[in-house]
mmCIF file of all heavy atoms, coordinates in Angstrom:
data_MODEL
# 
_entry.id   MODEL 
# 
loop_
_atom_site.group_PDB 
_atom_site.id 
_atom_site.type_symbol 
_atom_site.label_atom_id 
_atom_site.label_alt_id 
_atom_site.label_comp_id 
_atom_site.label_asym_id 
_atom_site.label_entity_id 
_atom_site.label_seq_id 
_atom_site.pdbx_PDB_ins_code 
_atom_site.Cartn_x 
_atom_site.Cartn_y 
_atom_site.Cartn_z 
_atom_site.occupancy 
_atom_site.B_iso_or_equiv 
_atom_site.pdbx_formal_charge 
_atom_site.auth_seq_id 
_atom_site.auth_comp_id 
_atom_site.auth_asym_id 
_atom_site.auth_atom_id 
_atom_site.pdbx_PDB_model_num 
ATOM 1   N N   . PHE A 1 1  ? 2.326   -14.195 -11.231 1.00 0.00 ? 1  PHE A N   1 
ATOM 2   C CA  . PHE A 1 1  ? 1.410   -15.073 -11.954 1.00 0.00 ? 1  PHE A CA  1 
ATOM 3   C C   . PHE A 1 1  ? 0.005   -14.504 -11.858 1.00 0.00 ? 1  PHE A C   1 
ATOM 4   O O   . PHE A 1 1  ? -0.519  -14.345 -10.754 1.00 0.00 ? 1  PHE A O   1 
ATOM 5   C CB  . PHE A 1 1  ? 1.429   -16.481 -11.361 1.00 0.00 ? 1  PHE A CB  1 
ATOM 6   C CG  . PHE A 1 1  ? 2.789   -17.126 -11.402 1.00 0.00 ? 1  PHE A CG  1 
ATOM 7   C CD1 . PHE A 1 1  ? 3.651   -17.034 -10.322 1.00 0.00 ? 1  PHE A CD1 1 
ATOM 8   C CD2 . PHE A 1 1  ? 3.207   -17.806 -12.539 1.00 0.00 ? 1  PHE A CD2 1 
ATOM 9   C CE1 . PHE A 1 1  ? 4.900   -17.623 -10.356 1.00 0.00 ? 1  PHE A CE1 1 
ATOM 10  C CE2 . PHE A 1 1  ? 4.463   -18.399 -12.589 1.00 0.00 ? 1  PHE A CE2 1 
ATOM 11  C CZ  . PHE A 1 1  ? 5.315   -18.304 -11.492 1.00 0.00 ? 1  PHE A CZ  1 
ATOM 12  N N   . GLY A 1 2  ? -0.595  -14.174 -12.976 1.00 0.00 ? 2  GLY A N   1 
ATOM 13  C CA  . GLY A 1 2  ? -1.958  -13.670 -13.002 1.00 0.00 ? 2  GLY A CA  1 
ATOM 14  C C   . GLY A 1 2  ? -2.948  -14.793 -12.748 1.00 0.00 ? 2  GLY A C   1 
ATOM 15  O O   . GLY A 1 2  ? -2.823  -15.866 -13.330 1.00 0.00 ? 2  GLY A O   1 
ATOM 16  N N   . VAL A 1 3  ? -3.898  -14.565 -11.837 1.00 0.00 ? 3  VAL A N   1 
ATOM 17  C CA  . VAL A 1 3  ? -4.936  -15.557 -11.516 1.00 0.00 ? 3  VAL A CA  1 
ATOM 18  C C   . VAL A 1 3  ? -6.303  -14.884 -11.581 1.00 0.00 ? 3  VAL A C   1 
ATOM 19  O O   . VAL A 1 3  ? -6.425  -13.674 -11.410 1.00 0.00 ? 3  VAL A O   1 
ATOM 20  C CB  . VAL A 1 3  ? -4.711  -16.195 -10.127 1.00 0.00 ? 3  VAL A CB  1 
ATOM 21  C CG1 . VAL A 1 3  ? -3.408  -16.966 -10.079 1.00 0.00 ? 3  VAL A CG1 1 
ATOM 22  C CG2 . VAL A 1 3  ? -4.737  -15.146 -9.019  1.00 0.00 ? 3  VAL A CG2 1 
ATOM 23  N N   . ASP A 1 4  ? -7.334  -15.682 -11.807 1.00 0.00 ? 4  ASP A N   1 
ATOM 24  C CA  . ASP A 1 4  ? -8.701  -15.157 -11.844 1.00 0.00 ? 4  ASP A CA  1 
ATOM 25  C C   . ASP A 1 4  ? -9.288  -15.000 -10.448 1.00 0.00 ? 4  ASP A C   1 
ATOM 26  O O   . ASP A 1 4  ? -10.094 -14.110 -10.207 1.00 0.00 ? 4  ASP A O   1 
ATOM 27  C CB  . ASP A 1 4  ? -9.606  -16.077 -12.669 1.00 0.00 ? 4  ASP A CB  1 
ATOM 28  C CG  . ASP A 1 4  ? -9.250  -16.064 -14.147 1.00 0.00 ? 4  ASP A CG  1 
ATOM 29  O OD1 . ASP A 1 4  ? -8.800  -15.010 -14.645 1.00 0.00 ? 4  ASP A OD1 1 
ATOM 30  O OD2 . ASP A 1 4  ? -9.411  -17.107 -14.793 1.00 0.00 ? 4  ASP A OD2 1 
ATOM 31  N N   . ASP A 1 5  ? -8.892  -15.891 -9.524  1.00 0.00 ? 5  ASP A N   1 
ATOM 32  C CA  . ASP A 1 5  ? -9.448  -15.894 -8.170  1.00 0.00 ? 5  ASP A CA  1 
ATOM 33  C C   . ASP A 1 5  ? -8.306  -16.055 -7.176  1.00 0.00 ? 5  ASP A C   1 
ATOM 34  O O   . ASP A 1 5  ? -7.819  -17.165 -6.943  1.00 0.00 ? 5  ASP A O   1 
ATOM 35  C CB  . ASP A 1 5  ? -10.457 -17.032 -8.032  1.00 0.00 ? 5  ASP A CB  1 
ATOM 36  C CG  . ASP A 1 5  ? -11.141 -17.076 -6.677  1.00 0.00 ? 5  ASP A CG  1 
ATOM 37  O OD1 . ASP A 1 5  ? -10.644 -16.472 -5.714  1.00 0.00 ? 5  ASP A OD1 1 
ATOM 38  O OD2 . ASP A 1 5  ? -12.194 -17.737 -6.582  1.00 0.00 ? 5  ASP A OD2 1 
ATOM 39  N N   . LEU A 1 6  ? -7.867  -14.947 -6.594  1.00 0.00 ? 6  LEU A N   1 
ATOM 40  C CA  . LEU A 1 6  ? -6.713  -14.945 -5.702  1.00 0.00 ? 6  LEU A CA  1 
ATOM 41  C C   . LEU A 1 6  ? -6.941  -15.843 -4.487  1.00 0.00 ? 6  LEU A C   1 
ATOM 42  O O   . LEU A 1 6  ? -6.070  -16.637 -4.128  1.00 0.00 ? 6  LEU A O   1 
ATOM 43  C CB  . LEU A 1 6  ? -6.386  -13.519 -5.253  1.00 0.00 ? 6  LEU A CB  1 
ATOM 44  C CG  . LEU A 1 6  ? -5.122  -13.375 -4.419  1.00 0.00 ? 6  LEU A CG  1 
ATOM 45  C CD1 . LEU A 1 6  ? -3.889  -13.669 -5.235  1.00 0.00 ? 6  LEU A CD1 1 
ATOM 46  C CD2 . LEU A 1 6  ? -5.041  -11.985 -3.816  1.00 0.00 ? 6  LEU A CD2 1 
ATOM 47  N N   . THR A 1 7  ? -8.098  -15.748 -3.865  1.00 0.00 ? 7  THR A N   1 
ATOM 48  C CA  . THR A 1 7  ? -8.381  -16.535 -2.665  1.00 0.00 ? 7  THR A CA  1 
ATOM 49  C C   . THR A 1 7  ? -8.288  -18.027 -2.957  1.00 0.00 ? 7  THR A C   1 
ATOM 50  O O   . THR A 1 7  ? -7.661  -18.784 -2.205  1.00 0.00 ? 7  THR A O   1 
ATOM 51  C CB  . THR A 1 7  ? -9.766  -16.175 -2.097  1.00 0.00 ? 7  THR A CB  1 
ATOM 52  O OG1 . THR A 1 7  ? -9.784  -14.775 -1.804  1.00 0.00 ? 7  THR A OG1 1 
ATOM 53  C CG2 . THR A 1 7  ? -10.074 -16.969 -0.855  1.00 0.00 ? 7  THR A CG2 1 
ATOM 54  N N   . SER A 1 8  ? -8.877  -18.466 -4.035  1.00 0.00 ? 8  SER A N   1 
ATOM 55  C CA  . SER A 1 8  ? -8.854  -19.877 -4.413  1.00 0.00 ? 8  SER A CA  1 
ATOM 56  C C   . SER A 1 8  ? -7.428  -20.337 -4.730  1.00 0.00 ? 8  SER A C   1 
ATOM 57  O O   . SER A 1 8  ? -7.004  -21.411 -4.291  1.00 0.00 ? 8  SER A O   1 
ATOM 58  C CB  . SER A 1 8  ? -9.767  -20.106 -5.610  1.00 0.00 ? 8  SER A CB  1 
ATOM 59  O OG  . SER A 1 8  ? -9.694  -21.447 -6.038  1.00 0.00 ? 8  SER A OG  1 
ATOM 60  N N   . ALA A 1 9  ? -6.690  -19.538 -5.474  1.00 0.00 ? 9  ALA A N   1 
ATOM 61  C CA  . ALA A 1 9  ? -5.317  -19.893 -5.829  1.00 0.00 ? 9  ALA A CA  1 
ATOM 62  C C   . ALA A 1 9  ? -4.439  -19.979 -4.585  1.00 0.00 ? 9  ALA A C   1 
ATOM 63  O O   . ALA A 1 9  ? -3.614  -20.888 -4.463  1.00 0.00 ? 9  ALA A O   1 
ATOM 64  C CB  . ALA A 1 9  ? -4.750  -18.874 -6.813  1.00 0.00 ? 9  ALA A CB  1 
ATOM 65  N N   . MET A 1 10 ? -4.642  -19.058 -3.640  1.00 0.00 ? 10 MET A N   1 
ATOM 66  C CA  . MET A 1 10 ? -3.870  -19.092 -2.400  1.00 0.00 ? 10 MET A CA  1 
ATOM 67  C C   . MET A 1 10 ? -4.187  -20.354 -1.602  1.00 0.00 ? 10 MET A C   1 
ATOM 68  O O   . MET A 1 10 ? -3.272  -21.004 -1.083  1.00 0.00 ? 10 MET A O   1 
ATOM 69  C CB  . MET A 1 10 ? -4.154  -17.851 -1.555  1.00 0.00 ? 10 MET A CB  1 
ATOM 70  C CG  . MET A 1 10 ? -3.542  -16.581 -2.114  1.00 0.00 ? 10 MET A CG  1 
ATOM 71  S SD  . MET A 1 10 ? -3.959  -15.128 -1.124  1.00 0.00 ? 10 MET A SD  1 
ATOM 72  C CE  . MET A 1 10 ? -3.064  -15.490 0.399   1.00 0.00 ? 10 MET A CE  1 
ATOM 73  N N   . LYS A 1 11 ? -5.456  -20.714 -1.503  1.00 0.00 ? 11 LYS A N   1 
ATOM 74  C CA  . LYS A 1 11 ? -5.852  -21.917 -0.760  1.00 0.00 ? 11 LYS A CA  1 
ATOM 75  C C   . LYS A 1 11 ? -5.219  -23.157 -1.379  1.00 0.00 ? 11 LYS A C   1 
ATOM 76  O O   . LYS A 1 11 ? -4.737  -24.041 -0.668  1.00 0.00 ? 11 LYS A O   1 
ATOM 77  C CB  . LYS A 1 11 ? -7.372  -22.052 -0.713  1.00 0.00 ? 11 LYS A CB  1 
ATOM 78  C CG  . LYS A 1 11 ? -8.019  -21.087 0.254   1.00 0.00 ? 11 LYS A CG  1 
ATOM 79  C CD  . LYS A 1 11 ? -9.530  -21.263 0.281   1.00 0.00 ? 11 LYS A CD  1 
ATOM 80  C CE  . LYS A 1 11 ? -10.164 -20.230 1.195   1.00 0.00 ? 11 LYS A CE  1 
ATOM 81  N NZ  . LYS A 1 11 ? -11.626 -20.328 1.218   1.00 0.00 ? 11 LYS A NZ  1 
ATOM 82  N N   . ASP A 1 12 ? -5.236  -23.234 -2.706  1.00 0.00 ? 12 ASP A N   1 
ATOM 83  C CA  . ASP A 1 12 ? -4.626  -24.381 -3.390  1.00 0.00 ? 12 ASP A CA  1 
ATOM 84  C C   . ASP A 1 12 ? -3.136  -24.479 -3.077  1.00 0.00 ? 12 ASP A C   1 
ATOM 85  O O   . ASP A 1 12 ? -2.618  -25.563 -2.799  1.00 0.00 ? 12 ASP A O   1 
ATOM 86  C CB  . ASP A 1 12 ? -4.822  -24.286 -4.904  1.00 0.00 ? 12 ASP A CB  1 
ATOM 87  C CG  . ASP A 1 12 ? -6.259  -24.522 -5.347  1.00 0.00 ? 12 ASP A CG  1 
ATOM 88  O OD1 . ASP A 1 12 ? -7.070  -25.030 -4.533  1.00 0.00 ? 12 ASP A OD1 1 
ATOM 89  O OD2 . ASP A 1 12 ? -6.567  -24.190 -6.508  1.00 0.00 ? 12 ASP A OD2 1 
ATOM 90  N N   . LEU A 1 13 ? -2.438  -23.353 -3.140  1.00 0.00 ? 13 LEU A N   1 
ATOM 91  C CA  . LEU A 1 13 ? -0.996  -23.372 -2.876  1.00 0.00 ? 13 LEU A CA  1 
ATOM 92  C C   . LEU A 1 13 ? -0.689  -23.603 -1.403  1.00 0.00 ? 13 LEU A C   1 
ATOM 93  O O   . LEU A 1 13 ? 0.273   -24.307 -1.071  1.00 0.00 ? 13 LEU A O   1 
ATOM 94  C CB  . LEU A 1 13 ? -0.355  -22.072 -3.367  1.00 0.00 ? 13 LEU A CB  1 
ATOM 95  C CG  . LEU A 1 13 ? -0.281  -21.933 -4.887  1.00 0.00 ? 13 LEU A CG  1 
ATOM 96  C CD1 . LEU A 1 13 ? 0.228   -20.551 -5.272  1.00 0.00 ? 13 LEU A CD1 1 
ATOM 97  C CD2 . LEU A 1 13 ? 0.599   -23.020 -5.487  1.00 0.00 ? 13 LEU A CD2 1 
ATOM 98  N N   . GLU A 1 14 ? -1.486  -23.037 -0.508  1.00 0.00 ? 14 GLU A N   1 
ATOM 99  C CA  . GLU A 1 14 ? -1.279  -23.267 0.925   1.00 0.00 ? 14 GLU A CA  1 
ATOM 100 C C   . GLU A 1 14 ? -1.436  -24.749 1.264   1.00 0.00 ? 14 GLU A C   1 
ATOM 101 O O   . GLU A 1 14 ? -0.701  -25.282 2.098   1.00 0.00 ? 14 GLU A O   1 
ATOM 102 C CB  . GLU A 1 14 ? -2.238  -22.417 1.749   1.00 0.00 ? 14 GLU A CB  1 
ATOM 103 C CG  . GLU A 1 14 ? -1.859  -20.948 1.754   1.00 0.00 ? 14 GLU A CG  1 
ATOM 104 C CD  . GLU A 1 14 ? -2.894  -20.039 2.380   1.00 0.00 ? 14 GLU A CD  1 
ATOM 105 O OE1 . GLU A 1 14 ? -4.100  -20.362 2.358   1.00 0.00 ? 14 GLU A OE1 1 
ATOM 106 O OE2 . GLU A 1 14 ? -2.479  -18.986 2.887   1.00 0.00 ? 14 GLU A OE2 1 
ATOM 107 N N   . ALA A 1 15 ? -2.369  -25.431 0.596   1.00 0.00 ? 15 ALA A N   1 
ATOM 108 C CA  . ALA A 1 15 ? -2.568  -26.866 0.810   1.00 0.00 ? 15 ALA A CA  1 
ATOM 109 C C   . ALA A 1 15 ? -1.338  -27.667 0.378   1.00 0.00 ? 15 ALA A C   1 
ATOM 110 O O   . ALA A 1 15 ? -1.132  -28.785 0.833   1.00 0.00 ? 15 ALA A O   1 
ATOM 111 C CB  . ALA A 1 15 ? -3.803  -27.348 0.052   1.00 0.00 ? 15 ALA A CB  1 
ATOM 112 N N   . LYS A 1 16 ? -0.506  -27.054 -0.476  1.00 0.00 ? 16 LYS A N   1 
ATOM 113 C CA  . LYS A 1 16 ? 0.714   -27.711 -0.952  1.00 0.00 ? 16 LYS A CA  1 
ATOM 114 C C   . LYS A 1 16 ? 1.943   -27.222 -0.189  1.00 0.00 ? 16 LYS A C   1 
ATOM 115 O O   . LYS A 1 16 ? 3.071   -27.506 -0.580  1.00 0.00 ? 16 LYS A O   1 
ATOM 116 C CB  . LYS A 1 16 ? 0.883   -27.459 -2.452  1.00 0.00 ? 16 LYS A CB  1 
ATOM 117 C CG  . LYS A 1 16 ? -0.233  -28.096 -3.258  1.00 0.00 ? 16 LYS A CG  1 
ATOM 118 C CD  . LYS A 1 16 ? -0.155  -27.741 -4.716  1.00 0.00 ? 16 LYS A CD  1 
ATOM 119 C CE  . LYS A 1 16 ? -1.342  -28.361 -5.447  1.00 0.00 ? 16 LYS A CE  1 
ATOM 120 N NZ  . LYS A 1 16 ? -1.431  -27.944 -6.828  1.00 0.00 ? 16 LYS A NZ  1 
ATOM 121 N N   . GLY A 1 17 ? 1.725   -26.436 0.877   1.00 0.00 ? 17 GLY A N   1 
ATOM 122 C CA  . GLY A 1 17 ? 2.830   -26.015 1.724   1.00 0.00 ? 17 GLY A CA  1 
ATOM 123 C C   . GLY A 1 17 ? 3.389   -24.630 1.467   1.00 0.00 ? 17 GLY A C   1 
ATOM 124 O O   . GLY A 1 17 ? 4.364   -24.227 2.089   1.00 0.00 ? 17 GLY A O   1 
ATOM 125 N N   . VAL A 1 18 ? 2.786   -23.876 0.570   1.00 0.00 ? 18 VAL A N   1 
ATOM 126 C CA  . VAL A 1 18 ? 3.266   -22.520 0.289   1.00 0.00 ? 18 VAL A CA  1 
ATOM 127 C C   . VAL A 1 18 ? 2.795   -21.582 1.393   1.00 0.00 ? 18 VAL A C   1 
ATOM 128 O O   . VAL A 1 18 ? 1.633   -21.598 1.787   1.00 0.00 ? 18 VAL A O   1 
ATOM 129 C CB  . VAL A 1 18 ? 2.751   -22.022 -1.085  1.00 0.00 ? 18 VAL A CB  1 
ATOM 130 C CG1 . VAL A 1 18 ? 3.082   -20.547 -1.297  1.00 0.00 ? 18 VAL A CG1 1 
ATOM 131 C CG2 . VAL A 1 18 ? 3.335   -22.869 -2.199  1.00 0.00 ? 18 VAL A CG2 1 
ATOM 132 N N   . ALA A 1 19 ? 3.728   -20.765 1.900   1.00 0.00 ? 19 ALA A N   1 
ATOM 133 C CA  . ALA A 1 19 ? 3.397   -19.768 2.921   1.00 0.00 ? 19 ALA A CA  1 
ATOM 134 C C   . ALA A 1 19 ? 3.472   -18.381 2.283   1.00 0.00 ? 19 ALA A C   1 
ATOM 135 O O   . ALA A 1 19 ? 4.483   -18.030 1.666   1.00 0.00 ? 19 ALA A O   1 
ATOM 136 C CB  . ALA A 1 19 ? 4.372   -19.859 4.086   1.00 0.00 ? 19 ALA A CB  1 
ATOM 137 N N   . PHE A 1 20 ? 2.421   -17.611 2.425   1.00 0.00 ? 20 PHE A N   1 
ATOM 138 C CA  . PHE A 1 20 ? 2.385   -16.257 1.878   1.00 0.00 ? 20 PHE A CA  1 
ATOM 139 C C   . PHE A 1 20 ? 2.878   -15.277 2.928   1.00 0.00 ? 20 PHE A C   1 
ATOM 140 O O   . PHE A 1 20 ? 2.501   -15.358 4.098   1.00 0.00 ? 20 PHE A O   1 
ATOM 141 C CB  . PHE A 1 20 ? 0.965   -15.911 1.418   1.00 0.00 ? 20 PHE A CB  1 
ATOM 142 C CG  . PHE A 1 20 ? 0.560   -16.677 0.190   1.00 0.00 ? 20 PHE A CG  1 
ATOM 143 C CD1 . PHE A 1 20 ? -0.029  -17.928 0.298   1.00 0.00 ? 20 PHE A CD1 1 
ATOM 144 C CD2 . PHE A 1 20 ? 0.810   -16.169 -1.068  1.00 0.00 ? 20 PHE A CD2 1 
ATOM 145 C CE1 . PHE A 1 20 ? -0.382  -18.654 -0.828  1.00 0.00 ? 20 PHE A CE1 1 
ATOM 146 C CE2 . PHE A 1 20 ? 0.467   -16.890 -2.202  1.00 0.00 ? 20 PHE A CE2 1 
ATOM 147 C CZ  . PHE A 1 20 ? -0.127  -18.130 -2.083  1.00 0.00 ? 20 PHE A CZ  1 
ATOM 148 N N   . SER A 1 21 ? 3.715   -14.340 2.502   1.00 0.00 ? 21 SER A N   1 
ATOM 149 C CA  . SER A 1 21 ? 4.280   -13.370 3.445   1.00 0.00 ? 21 SER A CA  1 
ATOM 150 C C   . SER A 1 21 ? 3.360   -12.170 3.644   1.00 0.00 ? 21 SER A C   1 
ATOM 151 O O   . SER A 1 21 ? 3.334   -11.589 4.728   1.00 0.00 ? 21 SER A O   1 
ATOM 152 C CB  . SER A 1 21 ? 5.650   -12.891 2.965   1.00 0.00 ? 21 SER A CB  1 
ATOM 153 O OG  . SER A 1 21 ? 5.562   -12.299 1.682   1.00 0.00 ? 21 SER A OG  1 
ATOM 154 N N   . ARG A 1 22 ? 2.628   -11.790 2.595   1.00 0.00 ? 22 ARG A N   1 
ATOM 155 C CA  . ARG A 1 22 ? 1.711   -10.658 2.720   1.00 0.00 ? 22 ARG A CA  1 
ATOM 156 C C   . ARG A 1 22 ? 0.771   -10.620 1.527   1.00 0.00 ? 22 ARG A C   1 
ATOM 157 O O   . ARG A 1 22 ? 1.069   -11.152 0.461   1.00 0.00 ? 22 ARG A O   1 
ATOM 158 C CB  . ARG A 1 22 ? 2.454   -9.336  2.863   1.00 0.00 ? 22 ARG A CB  1 
ATOM 159 C CG  . ARG A 1 22 ? 3.282   -8.950  1.657   1.00 0.00 ? 22 ARG A CG  1 
ATOM 160 C CD  . ARG A 1 22 ? 4.207   -7.759  1.958   1.00 0.00 ? 22 ARG A CD  1 
ATOM 161 N NE  . ARG A 1 22 ? 5.164   -7.614  0.897   1.00 0.00 ? 22 ARG A NE  1 
ATOM 162 C CZ  . ARG A 1 22 ? 5.218   -6.614  0.051   1.00 0.00 ? 22 ARG A CZ  1 
ATOM 163 N NH1 . ARG A 1 22 ? 4.346   -5.624  0.159   1.00 0.00 ? 22 ARG A NH1 1 
ATOM 164 N NH2 . ARG A 1 22 ? 6.124   -6.555  -0.883  1.00 0.00 ? 22 ARG A NH2 1 
ATOM 165 N N   . VAL A 1 23 ? -0.351  -9.967  1.757   1.00 0.00 ? 23 VAL A N   1 
ATOM 166 C CA  . VAL A 1 23 ? -1.339  -9.728  0.697   1.00 0.00 ? 23 VAL A CA  1 
ATOM 167 C C   . VAL A 1 23 ? -1.578  -8.226  0.666   1.00 0.00 ? 23 VAL A C   1 
ATOM 168 O O   . VAL A 1 23 ? -1.774  -7.602  1.709   1.00 0.00 ? 23 VAL A O   1 
ATOM 169 C CB  . VAL A 1 23 ? -2.657  -10.484 0.967   1.00 0.00 ? 23 VAL A CB  1 
ATOM 170 C CG1 . VAL A 1 23 ? -3.691  -10.138 -0.096  1.00 0.00 ? 23 VAL A CG1 1 
ATOM 171 C CG2 . VAL A 1 23 ? -2.409  -11.984 1.023   1.00 0.00 ? 23 VAL A CG2 1 
ATOM 172 N N   . VAL A 1 24 ? -1.544  -7.657  -0.524  1.00 0.00 ? 24 VAL A N   1 
ATOM 173 C CA  . VAL A 1 24 ? -1.700  -6.218  -0.697  1.00 0.00 ? 24 VAL A CA  1 
ATOM 174 C C   . VAL A 1 24 ? -2.845  -5.971  -1.666  1.00 0.00 ? 24 VAL A C   1 
ATOM 175 O O   . VAL A 1 24 ? -2.918  -6.614  -2.714  1.00 0.00 ? 24 VAL A O   1 
ATOM 176 C CB  . VAL A 1 24 ? -0.402  -5.586  -1.258  1.00 0.00 ? 24 VAL A CB  1 
ATOM 177 C CG1 . VAL A 1 24 ? -0.592  -4.117  -1.549  1.00 0.00 ? 24 VAL A CG1 1 
ATOM 178 C CG2 . VAL A 1 24 ? 0.764   -5.822  -0.317  1.00 0.00 ? 24 VAL A CG2 1 
# 
């Protein structure tokens, strides 16, 4: 999924319980 702001999108999803395995 293409996003304009990776940090913001990650924070939004983490607040909903999404766990990221890695960032490259």
